[in-house]
């Protein structure tokens, strides 16, 4: 028995076993079960084949949820990649005094519960004249706005919440990438007369590609799977004319509220396929799959 445990042939499998079991129990088995359920009507306990998927294609509320999630994802990508990269560059420069203080300030929102953050933002963008958002626009002589009842005003509130919570996290990602770049490269570029902007565009930005691809990948997933922020902002899963409904919110509505588990599983699988397709496209576009030249 002792020889068995100390065998060099068996030891690698012993170390891999916990990970393999985790993948099978908490990833492959749920996905397989979800695929089977997506072809069934659980309430009627009958096999419906592709009926749930055919229903999705003509479901206007589901298409609205897809549109909302896609719009939110694009908005977060446009804001939560270039600006954190710029802020990280500033924090990494020698001109910034007490960078540790600013890093702490930026990161504090990420430690805040999304439930608390959503509640605070719901109060900030309330309908009353005394809400913070209406007080601010009132300073410019504008009338109070029903922020969370308009499609684009509510979208602005959601994006602001996302930026407030995740800007600090992305800054740390980019800051770690910048600090892995040798200072000798910048010194050589400075000696050659390169300006700070040229150093950023010709050195920092290209060498940050692995970090950028990683942040882009997790941001796509986070944008398409967003739910809790919307749920808390509207104090439930029912927003006016579904302006805040997301794909996961629609899955929750069908699976938890209406108990249509088969239809909800079909929604979840469509979400998985969308996330995989979008990420594969961006990985291909960024050259991640290209073979390195030897």
Protein backbone atom coordinates (compact mmCIF):
# COMPACT_ATOMS: atom_id res chain seq x y z
CA UNK A 1 0.00 0.00 0.00
CA UNK A 2 2.86 2.37 0.86
CA UNK A 3 4.46 1.76 -2.53
CA UNK A 4 1.13 2.54 -4.16
CA UNK A 5 0.91 5.98 -2.53
CA UNK A 6 4.52 6.83 -3.32
CA UNK A 7 4.32 5.62 -6.92
CA UNK A 8 5.47 8.26 -9.40
CA UNK A 9 2.92 7.00 -11.92
CA UNK A 10 -0.04 7.30 -9.59
CA UNK A 11 0.92 10.50 -7.73
CA UNK A 12 0.01 12.90 -10.59
CA UNK A 13 -3.47 11.40 -10.84
CA UNK A 14 -3.95 11.76 -7.08
CA UNK A 15 -3.17 15.48 -7.27
CA UNK A 16 -5.44 15.98 -10.29
CA UNK A 17 -8.32 13.95 -8.82
CA UNK A 18 -9.85 16.73 -6.61
CA UNK A 19 -9.95 19.13 -9.57
CA UNK A 20 -11.39 16.46 -11.88
CA UNK A 21 -14.11 15.57 -9.36
CA UNK A 22 -14.96 19.25 -8.92
CA UNK A 23 -15.30 19.74 -12.67
CA UNK A 24 -17.49 16.64 -13.06
CA UNK A 25 -19.75 17.30 -10.05
CA UNK A 26 -20.14 21.08 -10.27
CA UNK A 27 -19.72 21.76 -14.00
CA UNK A 28 -20.21 18.80 -16.34
CA UNK A 29 -23.05 17.14 -14.43
CA UNK A 30 -25.12 20.37 -14.01
CA UNK A 31 -24.62 21.28 -17.68
CA UNK A 32 -25.59 17.79 -18.81
CA UNK A 33 -28.65 17.82 -16.56
CA UNK A 34 -29.56 21.29 -17.79
CA UNK A 35 -29.33 20.16 -21.43
CA UNK A 36 -31.72 17.30 -20.72
CA UNK A 37 -34.16 19.57 -18.87
CA UNK A 38 -34.11 22.11 -21.71
CA UNK A 39 -35.85 19.53 -23.92
CA UNK A 40 -38.61 18.94 -21.37
CA UNK A 41 -41.65 20.64 -19.90
CA UNK A 42 -40.95 19.96 -16.24
CA UNK A 43 -44.38 21.14 -15.05
CA UNK A 44 -46.18 18.73 -17.38
CA UNK A 45 -43.44 16.10 -17.08
CA UNK A 46 -43.23 15.57 -20.83
CA UNK A 47 -40.58 15.65 -23.55
CA UNK A 48 -41.01 18.66 -25.85
CA UNK A 49 -37.85 18.35 -27.95
CA UNK A 50 -36.80 21.70 -29.41
CA UNK A 51 -40.09 23.29 -28.35
CA UNK A 52 -38.46 25.46 -25.67
CA UNK A 53 -35.87 26.76 -28.14
CA UNK A 54 -38.50 27.47 -30.79
CA UNK A 55 -40.45 29.40 -28.19
CA UNK A 56 -37.34 31.45 -27.34
CA UNK A 57 -36.91 32.62 -30.92
CA UNK A 58 -40.38 34.18 -30.92
CA UNK A 59 -40.31 35.39 -27.30
CA UNK A 60 -40.15 39.19 -27.47
CA UNK A 61 -39.40 39.52 -23.75
CA UNK A 62 -36.41 37.19 -24.08
CA UNK A 63 -35.14 39.15 -27.08
CA UNK A 64 -35.54 42.33 -25.03
CA UNK A 65 -33.46 40.75 -22.26
CA UNK A 66 -30.74 39.79 -24.77
CA UNK A 67 -30.71 43.35 -26.11
CA UNK A 68 -30.45 44.81 -22.60
CA UNK A 69 -27.59 42.47 -21.63
CA UNK A 70 -25.71 43.12 -24.88
CA UNK A 71 -26.11 46.88 -24.49
CA UNK A 72 -24.87 46.72 -20.90
CA UNK A 73 -21.90 44.56 -21.91
CA UNK A 74 -20.83 46.96 -24.68
CA UNK A 75 -21.19 49.93 -22.33
CA UNK A 76 -19.02 48.35 -19.66
CA UNK A 77 -16.38 47.35 -22.20
CA UNK A 78 -16.15 50.92 -23.50
CA UNK A 79 -15.76 52.32 -19.97
CA UNK A 80 -14.10 49.64 -17.86
CA UNK A 81 -11.11 48.91 -20.08
CA UNK A 82 -9.63 52.18 -21.44
CA UNK A 83 -10.19 54.30 -18.31
CA UNK A 84 -8.79 51.79 -15.77
CA UNK A 85 -5.81 51.30 -18.11
CA UNK A 86 -5.23 55.06 -18.13
CA UNK A 87 -5.63 55.35 -14.35
CA UNK A 88 -3.25 52.41 -13.82
CA UNK A 89 -0.67 54.12 -16.04
CA UNK A 90 -0.95 57.28 -13.95
CA UNK A 91 -0.64 55.32 -10.70
CA UNK A 92 2.42 53.55 -12.06
CA UNK A 93 4.15 56.78 -13.05
CA UNK A 94 6.71 58.51 -10.86
CA UNK A 95 4.66 61.69 -10.92
CA UNK A 96 1.93 60.12 -8.76
CA UNK A 97 2.38 60.78 -5.05
CA UNK A 98 1.08 58.22 -2.53
CA UNK A 99 -0.17 55.69 -5.11
CA UNK A 100 -1.05 53.24 -2.35
CA UNK A 101 -3.68 55.63 -1.00
CA UNK A 102 -5.34 56.01 -4.39
CA UNK A 103 -5.28 52.24 -4.99
CA UNK A 104 -7.08 51.73 -1.70
CA UNK A 105 -9.66 54.39 -2.53
CA UNK A 106 -10.33 52.89 -5.96
CA UNK A 107 -10.63 49.35 -4.60
CA UNK A 108 -12.96 50.06 -1.65
CA UNK A 109 -16.18 49.96 -3.79
CA UNK A 110 -15.37 46.39 -4.88
CA UNK A 111 -15.51 45.35 -1.21
CA UNK A 112 -19.02 46.75 -0.87
CA UNK A 113 -21.88 44.27 -1.15
CA UNK A 114 -23.75 44.59 -4.44
CA UNK A 115 -26.98 44.52 -2.43
CA UNK A 116 -25.91 47.57 -0.44
CA UNK A 117 -24.52 49.31 -3.52
CA UNK A 118 -27.72 48.66 -5.50
CA UNK A 119 -29.88 50.01 -2.68
CA UNK A 120 -27.78 53.16 -2.38
CA UNK A 121 -27.92 53.80 -6.13
CA UNK A 122 -31.69 53.20 -6.15
CA UNK A 123 -32.05 55.94 -3.54
CA UNK A 124 -29.61 58.20 -5.42
CA UNK A 125 -31.67 57.92 -8.61
CA UNK A 126 -35.07 58.17 -6.97
CA UNK A 127 -37.99 60.11 -8.44
CA UNK A 128 -38.24 62.68 -5.65
CA UNK A 129 -36.70 66.12 -5.94
CA UNK A 130 -34.64 65.37 -2.85
CA UNK A 131 -32.82 62.42 -4.47
CA UNK A 132 -29.13 63.09 -5.08
CA UNK A 133 -29.33 62.83 -8.88
CA UNK A 134 -32.28 65.23 -9.11
CA UNK A 135 -30.62 67.65 -6.73
CA UNK A 136 -27.53 67.69 -8.93
CA UNK A 137 -29.42 68.39 -12.16
CA UNK A 138 -31.57 70.90 -10.24
CA UNK A 139 -28.43 72.98 -9.72
CA UNK A 140 -28.46 73.54 -13.49
CA UNK A 141 -32.13 74.50 -13.55
CA UNK A 142 -33.38 71.15 -14.88
CA UNK A 143 -36.60 69.47 -13.81
CA UNK A 144 -36.56 66.24 -11.76
CA UNK A 145 -36.26 63.04 -13.81
CA UNK A 146 -37.77 59.63 -13.21
CA UNK A 147 -34.41 58.01 -13.73
CA UNK A 148 -35.37 54.37 -13.30
CA UNK A 149 -38.43 54.58 -15.57
CA UNK A 150 -36.62 55.76 -18.70
CA UNK A 151 -34.64 53.36 -20.84
CA UNK A 152 -31.52 55.48 -21.29
CA UNK A 153 -31.55 57.19 -17.89
CA UNK A 154 -31.79 53.80 -16.18
CA UNK A 155 -29.02 52.50 -18.44
CA UNK A 156 -26.87 55.42 -17.29
CA UNK A 157 -27.56 54.50 -13.65
CA UNK A 158 -26.59 50.86 -14.28
CA UNK A 159 -23.35 51.85 -16.02
CA UNK A 160 -22.48 54.28 -13.25
CA UNK A 161 -23.01 51.53 -10.68
CA UNK A 162 -20.79 49.17 -12.70
CA UNK A 163 -18.04 51.77 -13.06
CA UNK A 164 -18.18 52.63 -9.37
CA UNK A 165 -17.80 48.99 -8.33
CA UNK A 166 -15.34 47.59 -10.87
CA UNK A 167 -13.02 50.40 -11.95
CA UNK A 168 -10.70 49.74 -9.00
CA UNK A 169 -10.51 46.02 -9.73
CA UNK A 170 -9.54 46.57 -13.36
CA UNK A 171 -7.01 49.19 -12.30
CA UNK A 172 -5.25 46.57 -10.17
CA UNK A 173 -5.22 44.12 -13.09
CA UNK A 174 -3.61 46.67 -15.40
CA UNK A 175 -1.28 47.89 -12.66
CA UNK A 176 0.00 44.35 -12.15
CA UNK A 177 0.58 44.09 -15.90
CA UNK A 178 2.44 47.40 -16.02
CA UNK A 179 4.69 46.49 -13.09
CA UNK A 180 5.71 43.29 -14.87
CA UNK A 181 7.23 45.38 -17.69
CA UNK A 182 10.94 46.00 -17.19
CA UNK A 183 11.85 49.62 -16.45
CA UNK A 184 14.92 49.20 -18.66
CA UNK A 185 12.65 49.32 -21.72
CA UNK A 186 11.24 52.70 -20.67
CA UNK A 187 14.68 54.05 -19.85
CA UNK A 188 15.99 53.02 -23.26
CA UNK A 189 12.99 54.62 -24.96
CA UNK A 190 13.48 57.80 -22.93
CA UNK A 191 17.13 57.99 -23.96
CA UNK A 192 16.04 57.64 -27.59
CA UNK A 193 13.78 60.66 -27.12
CA UNK A 194 10.39 58.94 -26.87
CA UNK A 195 7.70 61.00 -25.18
CA UNK A 196 5.44 59.64 -22.42
CA UNK A 197 2.62 59.18 -24.94
CA UNK A 198 4.92 57.31 -27.32
CA UNK A 199 6.12 55.11 -24.46
CA UNK A 200 2.50 54.29 -23.62
CA UNK A 201 1.39 53.56 -27.19
CA UNK A 202 4.57 51.75 -28.32
CA UNK A 203 5.55 49.94 -25.11
CA UNK A 204 2.87 49.82 -22.41
CA UNK A 205 -0.17 49.16 -24.58
CA UNK A 206 1.36 46.32 -26.69
CA UNK A 207 2.93 44.61 -23.67
CA UNK A 208 -0.37 44.86 -21.76
CA UNK A 209 -2.08 42.68 -24.35
CA UNK A 210 -2.31 39.54 -22.13
CA UNK A 211 -3.84 41.59 -19.31
CA UNK A 212 -6.19 43.38 -21.70
CA UNK A 213 -7.40 40.09 -23.19
CA UNK A 214 -8.03 38.71 -19.71
CA UNK A 215 -9.96 41.79 -18.59
CA UNK A 216 -11.90 41.79 -21.85
CA UNK A 217 -12.83 38.12 -21.42
CA UNK A 218 -14.10 38.43 -17.85
CA UNK A 219 -15.86 41.71 -18.69
CA UNK A 220 -17.81 40.06 -21.52
CA UNK A 221 -18.92 37.30 -19.18
CA UNK A 222 -19.77 39.74 -16.37
CA UNK A 223 -21.72 42.00 -18.72
CA UNK A 224 -23.85 39.26 -20.24
CA UNK A 225 -24.47 37.53 -16.89
CA UNK A 226 -25.34 40.66 -14.89
CA UNK A 227 -28.38 40.23 -12.66
CA UNK A 228 -27.99 41.34 -9.04
CA UNK A 229 -27.29 44.99 -9.89
CA UNK A 230 -30.47 45.22 -11.95
CA UNK A 231 -32.49 43.32 -9.37
CA UNK A 232 -31.46 45.67 -6.55
CA UNK A 233 -31.75 48.85 -8.61
CA UNK A 234 -35.44 48.15 -9.35
CA UNK A 235 -36.07 46.42 -6.01
CA UNK A 236 -37.10 43.25 -7.81
CA UNK A 237 -37.07 41.54 -11.18
CA UNK A 238 -39.88 43.64 -12.67
CA UNK A 239 -38.74 46.92 -14.20
CA UNK A 240 -41.03 49.25 -16.22
CA UNK A 241 -41.50 47.74 -19.70
CA UNK A 242 -38.62 45.36 -18.87
CA UNK A 243 -36.02 48.09 -19.39
CA UNK A 244 -33.80 46.50 -16.74
CA UNK A 245 -34.47 42.86 -17.55
CA UNK A 246 -31.34 40.84 -18.36
CA UNK A 247 -30.85 37.30 -19.66
CA UNK A 248 -30.15 35.98 -16.17
CA UNK A 249 -33.10 37.99 -14.87
CA UNK A 250 -35.34 36.32 -17.44
CA UNK A 251 -33.91 32.93 -16.48
CA UNK A 252 -34.70 33.71 -12.83
CA UNK A 253 -38.23 34.79 -13.78
CA UNK A 254 -38.94 31.59 -15.68
CA UNK A 255 -37.14 29.12 -13.43
CA UNK A 256 -37.75 30.52 -9.93
CA UNK A 257 -40.82 32.73 -10.20
CA UNK A 258 -42.81 30.69 -12.76
CA UNK A 259 -41.11 27.34 -12.06
CA UNK A 260 -40.76 26.58 -15.77
CA UNK A 261 -37.43 24.85 -15.24
CA UNK A 262 -37.20 23.37 -18.74
CA UNK A 263 -37.66 26.73 -20.41
CA UNK A 264 -35.25 28.35 -17.92
CA UNK A 265 -32.60 25.73 -18.75
CA UNK A 266 -32.99 26.57 -22.44
CA UNK A 267 -32.41 30.24 -21.58
CA UNK A 268 -29.30 29.33 -19.60
CA UNK A 269 -27.85 27.26 -22.42
CA UNK A 270 -28.47 30.03 -24.93
CA UNK A 271 -26.64 32.40 -22.57
CA UNK A 272 -23.72 29.96 -22.35
CA UNK A 273 -23.56 29.69 -26.14
CA UNK A 274 -23.69 33.49 -26.57
CA UNK A 275 -20.89 34.04 -24.05
CA UNK A 276 -18.72 31.37 -25.67
CA UNK A 277 -19.27 32.71 -29.19
CA UNK A 278 -18.56 36.34 -28.24
CA UNK A 279 -15.43 35.37 -26.31
CA UNK A 280 -14.16 33.10 -29.08
CA UNK A 281 -14.62 35.95 -31.57
CA UNK A 282 -12.72 38.41 -29.41
CA UNK A 283 -9.95 35.88 -28.67
CA UNK A 284 -9.58 35.28 -32.39
CA UNK A 285 -9.70 39.00 -33.16
CA UNK A 286 -6.99 39.77 -30.59
CA UNK A 287 -4.75 37.06 -32.02
CA UNK A 288 -4.79 34.92 -28.87
CA UNK A 289 -5.16 31.74 -30.90
CA UNK A 290 -2.41 32.62 -33.36
CA UNK A 291 0.74 30.53 -33.13
CA UNK A 292 3.85 32.33 -32.02
CA UNK A 293 6.40 32.80 -34.74
CA UNK A 294 9.59 30.85 -34.16
